[in-house]
Protein backbone atom coordinates (compact mmCIF):
# COMPACT_ATOMS: atom_id res chain seq x y z
CA MET A 1 16.28 -7.53 17.74
CA THR A 2 16.04 -10.81 16.46
CA GLU A 3 12.23 -11.40 15.76
CA SER A 4 11.26 -10.70 12.40
CA LEU A 5 8.55 -7.98 12.65
CA SER A 6 5.38 -10.00 11.24
CA SER A 7 5.27 -12.00 14.02
CA THR A 8 4.70 -9.39 16.39
CA LEU A 9 2.62 -6.73 14.07
CA PRO A 10 -0.47 -6.96 12.32
CA ALA A 11 -0.89 -7.82 8.72
CA ALA A 12 -0.82 -4.69 6.88
CA GLY A 13 -1.97 -3.49 3.27
CA PRO A 14 -1.11 -0.48 0.87
CA GLY A 15 -3.25 1.64 3.01
CA GLY A 16 -2.71 0.47 6.74
CA PRO A 17 -3.93 -2.44 8.83
CA ALA A 18 -6.90 -4.58 8.17
CA ALA A 19 -10.26 -2.86 8.82
CA PRO A 20 -11.98 -3.99 11.65
CA GLY A 21 -14.74 -7.05 11.36
CA ALA A 22 -13.02 -8.02 8.17
CA PRO A 23 -12.00 -11.31 7.36
CA GLY A 24 -9.33 -12.23 9.25
CA GLY A 25 -9.32 -8.64 11.19
CA PRO A 26 -9.99 -7.42 15.10
CA ASP A 27 -13.79 -7.33 15.85
CA GLY A 28 -13.47 -3.81 16.78
CA ASP A 29 -17.01 -3.79 15.35
CA ARG A 30 -18.42 -6.41 17.63
CA PRO A 31 -21.51 -4.69 19.37
CA PRO A 32 -21.47 -4.85 23.08
CA PRO A 33 -22.86 -7.66 25.31
CA ALA A 34 -26.73 -8.03 24.87
CA ARG A 35 -28.56 -7.17 28.36
CA LEU A 36 -31.90 -6.53 29.26
CA ALA A 37 -31.98 -2.72 28.78
CA TYR A 38 -32.87 -1.91 25.63
CA ASP A 39 -29.72 0.67 24.06
CA ARG A 40 -29.27 2.07 20.26
CA HIS A 41 -27.58 -1.44 19.29
CA THR A 42 -30.87 -3.40 20.05
CA TRP A 43 -32.63 -1.09 18.06
CA LYS A 44 -30.42 -0.65 14.99
CA GLU A 45 -30.17 -4.87 15.07
CA THR A 46 -34.21 -5.03 15.49
CA ALA A 47 -34.78 -2.22 12.63
CA HIS A 48 -32.27 -4.96 10.15
CA LEU A 49 -34.12 -7.90 11.17
CA LEU A 50 -37.63 -6.66 10.32
CA ALA A 51 -36.21 -5.05 6.85
CA ASN A 52 -34.97 -8.25 5.81
CA LEU A 53 -38.26 -9.52 4.40
CA PRO A 54 -38.89 -6.55 1.85
CA VAL A 55 -35.26 -6.40 1.40
CA ALA A 56 -34.85 -10.56 0.66
CA LEU A 57 -38.26 -10.21 -1.40
CA VAL A 58 -36.49 -7.46 -3.98
CA GLY A 59 -33.22 -9.67 -4.15
CA PHE A 60 -34.85 -12.85 -4.41
CA VAL A 61 -37.35 -11.79 -7.35
CA TYR A 62 -34.12 -10.03 -8.71
CA VAL A 63 -32.50 -13.71 -8.76
CA ILE A 64 -34.95 -16.21 -10.62
CA THR A 65 -35.63 -13.02 -13.30
CA VAL A 66 -31.84 -13.03 -14.04
CA VAL A 67 -31.06 -16.72 -13.55
CA THR A 68 -34.59 -17.77 -15.74
CA LEU A 69 -34.19 -15.41 -18.36
CA GLY A 70 -29.97 -15.63 -18.77
CA VAL A 71 -29.91 -19.64 -18.67
CA GLY A 72 -33.47 -19.61 -20.51
CA LEU A 73 -31.85 -17.65 -23.34
CA THR A 74 -28.33 -18.74 -23.81
CA VAL A 75 -29.61 -20.72 -27.25
CA THR A 76 -29.49 -17.37 -28.54
CA VAL A 77 -27.54 -14.11 -28.97
CA VAL A 78 -28.76 -12.36 -26.01
CA GLY A 79 -28.62 -14.80 -23.25
CA LEU A 80 -24.99 -14.75 -22.04
CA PRO A 81 -24.72 -10.65 -22.30
CA LEU A 82 -28.16 -10.71 -20.34
CA LEU A 83 -26.75 -13.19 -17.48
CA ALA A 84 -23.43 -10.85 -17.64
CA ALA A 85 -25.56 -7.77 -16.60
CA GLY A 86 -26.90 -9.59 -14.17
CA LEU A 87 -23.75 -10.47 -12.69
CA LEU A 88 -22.75 -6.94 -12.48
CA GLY A 89 -26.25 -5.86 -11.16
CA ALA A 90 -25.75 -8.56 -8.40
CA ARG A 91 -22.44 -6.43 -7.31
CA VAL A 92 -24.49 -3.33 -7.01
CA LEU A 93 -27.05 -5.51 -4.58
CA GLY A 94 -24.06 -6.53 -2.94
CA ARG A 95 -22.85 -3.26 -2.36
CA LEU A 96 -25.96 -1.80 -1.01
CA GLU A 97 -26.34 -4.83 1.40
CA ARG A 98 -22.71 -4.48 2.71
CA ALA A 99 -23.52 -0.69 3.57
CA ARG A 100 -26.83 -2.03 5.50
CA ALA A 101 -24.73 -4.20 7.58
CA ARG A 102 -22.39 -1.60 8.35
CA ALA A 103 -24.85 0.48 9.48
CA LEU A 104 -27.29 -1.22 11.26
CA LEU A 105 -25.15 -4.28 12.12
CA GLY A 106 -21.45 -2.78 12.27
CA VAL A 107 -20.01 -5.17 10.25
CA ARG A 108 -17.25 -3.79 8.24
CA VAL A 109 -16.32 -5.68 5.05
CA ASP A 110 -13.89 -4.60 2.43
CA GLU A 111 -15.43 -4.02 -1.08
CA PRO A 112 -14.43 -6.55 -3.46
CA SER A 113 -11.99 -5.26 -6.20
CA ARG A 114 -13.28 -4.24 -9.36
CA LEU A 115 -13.48 -6.70 -12.42
CA PRO A 116 -10.13 -6.53 -14.57
CA ARG A 117 -10.36 -4.99 -17.70
CA ARG A 118 -9.49 -7.37 -20.02
CA GLY A 119 -8.23 -7.33 -23.59
CA GLY A 120 -10.04 -8.87 -26.39
CA GLY A 121 -12.84 -6.43 -26.51
CA PHE A 122 -16.28 -7.07 -25.61
CA LEU A 123 -15.96 -10.97 -25.62
CA GLY A 124 -13.04 -10.08 -23.28
CA ARG A 125 -15.14 -8.36 -21.11
CA LEU A 126 -18.39 -10.89 -21.49
CA TRP A 127 -16.25 -13.72 -20.04
CA SER A 128 -14.75 -11.92 -17.32
CA ALA A 129 -18.40 -10.95 -15.88
CA LEU A 130 -19.53 -14.44 -16.52
CA LYS A 131 -16.87 -15.96 -14.18
CA ASP A 132 -16.81 -12.78 -11.70
CA PRO A 133 -17.25 -15.37 -8.25
CA VAL A 134 -18.38 -11.89 -6.21
CA GLY A 135 -21.44 -11.59 -8.74
CA TRP A 136 -22.16 -15.10 -8.10
CA ARG A 137 -22.08 -15.35 -4.51
CA THR A 138 -24.19 -12.14 -4.51
CA LEU A 139 -26.94 -14.43 -6.31
CA LEU A 140 -26.60 -16.97 -3.81
CA TYR A 141 -26.88 -14.69 -1.24
CA GLY A 142 -29.87 -12.95 -2.48
CA PHE A 143 -31.64 -16.55 -2.97
CA VAL A 144 -31.27 -17.86 0.49
CA ARG A 145 -32.23 -14.93 2.01
CA LEU A 146 -35.83 -14.93 1.50
CA PRO A 147 -36.60 -17.61 3.60
CA TRP A 148 -34.64 -16.53 6.44
CA GLY A 149 -36.14 -13.25 5.88
CA VAL A 150 -39.35 -14.43 6.28
CA VAL A 151 -38.11 -16.00 9.71
CA THR A 152 -36.42 -13.04 10.99
CA PHE A 153 -39.54 -11.04 10.18
CA VAL A 154 -41.81 -13.36 11.89
CA VAL A 155 -39.82 -14.14 15.00
CA THR A 156 -38.51 -10.42 15.58
CA LEU A 157 -42.01 -9.10 14.93
CA VAL A 158 -43.41 -11.79 17.59
CA SER A 159 -40.98 -10.76 19.91
CA LEU A 160 -41.24 -6.90 19.48
CA LEU A 161 -44.89 -7.63 20.96
CA VAL A 162 -44.96 -10.76 23.19
CA LEU A 163 -41.18 -11.54 24.36
CA TRP A 164 -40.17 -7.91 24.66
CA PRO A 165 -38.45 -8.78 27.49
CA VAL A 166 -35.92 -10.66 25.97
CA LEU A 167 -36.03 -9.08 22.62
CA PRO A 168 -32.36 -8.22 23.31
CA PHE A 169 -31.07 -11.66 23.21
CA ILE A 170 -33.42 -12.92 20.38
CA VAL A 171 -32.21 -10.10 17.72
CA ARG A 172 -28.45 -10.55 18.98
CA GLY A 173 -28.94 -14.32 18.21
CA LEU A 174 -30.51 -13.53 14.70
CA SER A 175 -28.34 -10.80 13.71
CA HIS A 176 -25.26 -12.68 14.62
CA ALA A 177 -26.02 -15.15 11.50
CA ASP A 178 -26.66 -12.03 9.48
CA ARG A 179 -23.27 -10.75 10.41
CA ALA A 180 -22.00 -14.49 9.70
CA MET A 181 -23.81 -14.46 6.09
CA VAL A 182 -22.22 -11.03 4.91
CA ARG A 183 -19.02 -11.88 6.34
CA GLY A 184 -19.29 -15.51 4.18
CA LEU A 185 -20.93 -14.16 0.77
CA LEU A 186 -20.49 -10.67 0.36
CA CYS A 187 -16.66 -10.02 1.43
CA PRO A 188 -14.02 -10.64 -1.28
CA SER A 189 -13.46 -13.83 -3.01
CA ASP A 190 -10.54 -15.14 -0.95
CA GLU A 191 -7.08 -14.00 -0.08
CA LEU A 192 -6.23 -14.10 -3.76
CA GLU A 193 -8.88 -11.41 -4.39
CA ARG A 194 -7.94 -8.98 -1.43
CA ARG A 195 -4.09 -9.94 -3.00
CA ILE A 196 -5.16 -8.35 -6.22
CA ALA A 197 -6.51 -5.23 -4.75
CA GLU A 198 -3.33 -5.09 -2.33
CA LEU A 199 -1.32 -4.96 -5.82
CA GLU A 200 -3.42 -2.96 -7.44
CA SER A 201 -2.73 -0.45 -4.47
CA ASP A 202 0.87 -1.30 -4.32
CA ARG A 203 1.17 -0.91 -8.45
CA GLY A 204 -0.01 2.84 -8.18
CA VAL A 205 2.55 3.67 -5.77
CA VAL A 206 5.48 2.19 -7.88
CA VAL A 207 4.37 4.43 -10.91
CA ASP A 208 4.11 7.54 -9.12
CA THR A 209 7.43 6.84 -7.11
CA ALA A 210 9.07 6.14 -10.70
CA ALA A 211 7.48 9.00 -11.93
CA ALA A 212 8.90 11.63 -8.91
CA ASP A 213 12.39 9.96 -9.23
CA LEU A 214 12.44 11.10 -13.18
CA ARG A 215 11.42 14.31 -12.59
CA ARG A 216 14.10 14.73 -10.11
CA ILE A 217 16.69 13.42 -12.14
CA GLU A 218 15.74 15.30 -14.43
CA ARG A 219 15.27 18.63 -12.57
CA ASP A 220 19.03 18.14 -11.10
CA LEU A 221 20.51 17.58 -14.53
CA HIS A 222 18.75 20.98 -15.90
CA ASP A 223 19.75 23.06 -12.86
CA GLY A 224 23.07 21.30 -12.29
CA ALA A 225 25.60 19.89 -14.57
CA GLN A 226 23.76 20.87 -17.73
CA ALA A 227 23.84 24.82 -16.47
CA ARG A 228 27.91 24.30 -15.65
CA LEU A 229 28.49 22.54 -19.00
CA VAL A 230 26.82 25.29 -21.06
CA ASN A 231 28.80 28.16 -18.88
CA LEU A 232 31.74 25.73 -19.85
CA ALA A 233 30.97 25.73 -23.62
CA MET A 234 30.78 29.35 -23.47
CA GLY A 235 34.06 30.19 -22.00
CA LEU A 236 35.57 27.63 -23.85
CA GLY A 237 34.51 29.49 -26.71
CA LEU A 238 35.56 33.00 -25.90
CA ALA A 239 39.14 31.44 -25.09
CA LYS A 240 39.52 30.06 -28.56
CA GLU A 241 38.38 32.88 -30.11
CA LYS A 242 40.89 35.19 -28.50
CA LEU A 243 43.43 32.18 -29.12
CA LEU A 244 42.60 32.61 -32.97
CA GLU A 245 43.10 36.66 -32.52
CA GLY A 246 46.31 35.81 -31.06
CA GLN A 247 45.48 37.14 -27.69
CA ALA A 248 47.44 34.56 -25.57
CA ASP A 249 47.23 36.06 -22.39
CA GLU A 250 46.37 36.30 -18.91
CA GLN A 251 42.72 36.81 -19.45
CA VAL A 252 42.73 33.36 -21.98
CA ALA A 253 44.73 31.77 -19.28
CA ALA A 254 42.02 32.98 -16.73
CA MET A 255 39.09 31.74 -19.19
CA VAL A 256 40.43 28.13 -19.39
CA GLU A 257 40.93 28.04 -15.56
CA GLU A 258 37.53 28.89 -15.19
CA ALA A 259 36.56 26.44 -17.27
CA HIS A 260 38.66 24.02 -16.00
CA GLY A 261 36.63 24.75 -12.57
CA GLU A 262 33.52 24.22 -13.96
CA VAL A 263 34.69 20.72 -15.47
CA LYS A 264 35.43 19.46 -11.64
CA LEU A 265 32.00 21.26 -10.31
CA ALA A 266 30.19 19.73 -13.14
CA LEU A 267 31.92 15.92 -12.99
CA GLN A 268 31.31 16.05 -8.89
CA GLU A 269 27.14 16.96 -9.83
CA LEU A 270 27.20 13.83 -11.86
CA ARG A 271 28.81 11.88 -9.48
CA ASP A 272 26.59 12.85 -6.56
CA LEU A 273 23.61 12.18 -9.01
CA ALA A 274 25.02 9.05 -10.07
CA ARG A 275 25.31 8.12 -6.16
CA GLY A 276 21.55 9.47 -5.84
CA ILE A 277 20.15 6.73 -8.64
CA HIS A 278 22.51 3.81 -7.18
CA PRO A 279 26.15 4.23 -5.58
CA ALA A 280 28.92 2.29 -7.38
CA VAL A 281 30.07 1.89 -3.51
CA LEU A 282 26.83 -0.46 -2.88
CA THR A 283 27.00 -2.23 -6.62
CA ASP A 284 30.82 -2.99 -5.65
CA ARG A 285 31.08 -3.70 -1.84
CA GLY A 286 27.27 -4.26 -0.61
CA LEU A 287 25.25 -2.58 2.42
CA ASP A 288 28.10 -2.35 4.87
CA ALA A 289 30.32 0.24 3.42
CA ALA A 290 27.55 1.74 1.20
CA LEU A 291 25.61 2.71 4.82
CA SER A 292 28.91 3.29 6.56
CA SER A 293 29.43 5.39 3.40
CA VAL A 294 26.27 7.32 4.13
CA ALA A 295 26.88 7.70 7.73
CA SER A 296 30.10 8.95 7.43
CA ARG A 297 28.17 12.47 5.73
CA CYS A 298 25.93 12.43 8.75
CA THR A 299 26.31 15.42 10.69
CA VAL A 300 25.43 13.58 13.70
CA PRO A 301 27.85 10.33 15.10
CA VAL A 302 26.68 6.92 13.59
CA ARG A 303 27.07 3.79 14.74
CA VAL A 304 26.89 1.03 11.53
CA ASP A 305 26.03 -2.60 12.39
CA VAL A 306 25.07 -4.80 9.47
CA ASP A 307 24.91 -8.29 10.37
CA LEU A 308 24.99 -10.27 6.78
CA THR A 309 26.54 -13.43 5.88
CA GLU A 310 25.49 -12.76 1.72
CA ARG A 311 24.18 -9.79 -0.02
CA PRO A 312 20.30 -9.90 -0.98
CA ALA A 313 18.81 -9.11 -4.20
CA PRO A 314 19.81 -5.42 -5.88
CA ALA A 315 16.29 -4.52 -5.62
CA ILE A 316 15.84 -4.92 -2.26
CA GLU A 317 19.39 -3.86 -1.19
CA GLY A 318 18.78 -0.93 -3.10
CA ILE A 319 15.59 -0.09 -1.44
CA ALA A 320 17.52 -0.66 1.97
CA TYR A 321 20.05 1.62 1.24
CA PHE A 322 17.86 4.64 -0.01
CA THR A 323 15.36 3.86 3.19
CA VAL A 324 18.67 4.44 6.02
CA SER A 325 20.15 7.32 3.74
CA GLU A 326 16.51 9.18 4.04
CA LEU A 327 16.46 8.53 7.74
CA LEU A 328 20.25 9.59 8.16
CA GLN A 329 19.05 12.83 6.12
CA ASN A 330 16.03 13.29 8.67
CA ILE A 331 18.36 12.69 11.88
CA SER A 332 20.68 15.48 10.30
CA LYS A 333 17.97 18.12 9.37
CA HIS A 334 15.16 17.47 12.12
CA SER A 335 16.20 15.40 15.23
CA HIS A 336 18.98 17.67 17.42
CA ALA A 337 20.60 14.50 18.15
CA ARG A 338 23.94 13.64 19.53
CA SER A 339 24.09 9.95 18.53
CA ALA A 340 22.60 7.85 16.22
CA ALA A 341 22.67 4.00 14.95
CA VAL A 342 21.69 1.74 12.22
CA GLU A 343 21.55 -1.91 12.17
CA VAL A 344 20.97 -4.52 9.55
CA TRP A 345 20.43 -8.04 9.81
CA ARG A 346 18.58 -10.88 8.79
CA THR A 347 15.64 -13.14 10.28
CA ASP A 348 14.55 -16.05 8.22
CA GLU A 349 13.35 -14.39 5.03
CA ARG A 350 12.70 -11.05 6.24
CA LEU A 351 15.65 -8.18 5.72
CA LEU A 352 15.34 -6.06 9.24
CA ILE A 353 16.62 -2.48 9.28
CA GLN A 354 16.29 -0.19 12.69
CA VAL A 355 17.45 3.25 12.69
CA TRP A 356 17.81 4.81 16.46
CA ASP A 357 18.69 8.56 16.97
CA ASP A 358 18.94 10.39 20.62
CA GLY A 359 17.09 13.05 19.07
CA ARG A 360 13.70 15.29 20.28
CA GLY A 361 11.50 12.12 18.88
CA GLY A 362 7.97 13.83 17.36
CA ALA A 363 8.36 11.80 14.18
CA ARG A 364 5.07 11.05 12.25
CA LEU A 365 4.46 9.48 9.12
CA ASP A 366 2.04 12.70 7.94
CA GLY A 367 5.37 14.83 9.41
CA GLY A 368 6.28 16.32 6.09
CA THR A 369 9.72 14.59 6.11
CA GLY A 370 9.56 11.94 4.15
CA MET A 371 8.19 9.23 6.19
CA LYS A 372 4.89 8.53 4.46
CA GLY A 373 6.94 8.05 1.08
CA LEU A 374 9.52 5.62 2.81
CA ALA A 375 6.15 3.55 4.10
CA ASP A 376 4.67 3.25 0.91
CA ARG A 377 7.70 2.31 -0.95
CA LEU A 378 8.28 -0.75 1.07
CA GLY A 379 5.03 -1.58 1.05
CA ALA A 380 5.10 -1.87 -2.82
CA VAL A 381 7.25 -4.96 -2.18
CA ASP A 382 5.28 -6.40 1.23
CA GLY A 383 7.88 -4.78 3.50
CA LEU A 384 6.59 -2.56 6.74
CA PHE A 385 7.62 0.60 8.29
CA VAL A 386 6.89 1.26 11.63
CA VAL A 387 7.61 4.58 13.25
CA ASP A 388 8.34 4.86 17.46
CA SER A 389 9.40 8.48 17.82
CA PRO A 390 7.55 9.94 21.44
CA GLU A 391 7.85 13.33 22.18
CA GLY A 392 11.09 14.09 23.72
CA GLY A 393 12.78 11.16 22.07
CA PRO A 394 13.96 8.91 21.72
CA THR A 395 13.30 8.30 17.85
CA THR A 396 13.56 4.23 16.23
CA VAL A 397 12.44 3.48 12.88
CA THR A 398 12.11 0.02 12.02
CA ALA A 399 11.85 -1.56 8.28
CA GLU A 400 11.35 -4.81 7.63
CA LEU A 401 11.76 -5.93 3.69
CA PRO A 402 11.29 -9.46 2.28
CA TRP A 403 14.46 -11.20 1.47
CA ARG A 404 15.41 -12.33 -1.67
CA ASP A 405 18.75 -13.96 -3.05
CA ARG A 406 20.88 -12.67 -4.98
CA ALA A 407 20.76 -13.95 -8.60
CA GLU A 408 24.24 -14.87 -10.36
CA LEU A 409 25.14 -12.13 -12.62
CA PRO A 410 26.65 -13.85 -15.90
CA ALA A 411 30.24 -13.54 -16.72
CA ALA A 412 31.27 -10.94 -19.04
CA PRO A 413 32.49 -12.36 -22.32
């Protein structure tokens, strides 16, 4: 309970764990050990090595043409645009090479992120293409592949005709060199490049979540408080007309009484809506009191244990509150549990949340209970969301958020 999930779980992005075979990922795409018997892996590697020569020849000609014309014509107005177009075309060649390596060698390399759409019109896009590291490394890959393609073609062909008993071992060694080239030169630029792709995905999740929240607030206002206030206005209008007519009787008193009830209901709905946006108890007293308040509304007895010596940043605090609130609602609706527990604590620079219940289990991220939305919301802020819910229970949901210190608010004048 005191260890961070990041020390026990694989690093994950907006979409899930790192793809097998990607830099830093598990070696799930590693072929079985080579042996004397021929199998499909041996024949696929042999086909890849024999195709290296024609593919490398096309790539080498492309690189020489692009570099020669682009650099040679830089003194004219067409030189730099031609070089930029060549770098964009190199990205296409890199995508085809990654697909070939994935099909024949089993190497799964993440696709680089797209070029950013910078402002500045034509010159901005031109500069972005000219300094694209993915395009330049793909050109380097095409340049060094020609001699390597000749070597692999000759060695593989001779081994296939003369040294066929040890062919699997020879093609396996040559294929490992090919795998290293693909991973080294055709992968995303670096950790920053992969981080940009993750942030682009997370930004989409944040935008979609904010839009859904705005639609929910608009629907709640339209169907709830707004309708009650309309009824209130109509009732008060009728009561006013009767008073002006001098009919101060029991009917007018009943109208005023009904309007008073509508006011109270509208205020309660507005109060509930405000609590759904950001509860006042969370702002005033922090997570401990806010989670205790949520737990008191749960249909299952809930034990709350918040072990925090200080409060996190308001954004992190709000995400933690709504995560627990959503999980407790799921427990009330779906778990058939007899008891539940909520624990919140801090480990280093991470905020840990664990929600447990002794219900029937079977909770999944794709089960339609909002778990997927919670996982996406936590992933958008570099958080983790893990569900352990075997059939028959119990269910344990662990969430991890980055800890950010709470900034001091300026004093009111």
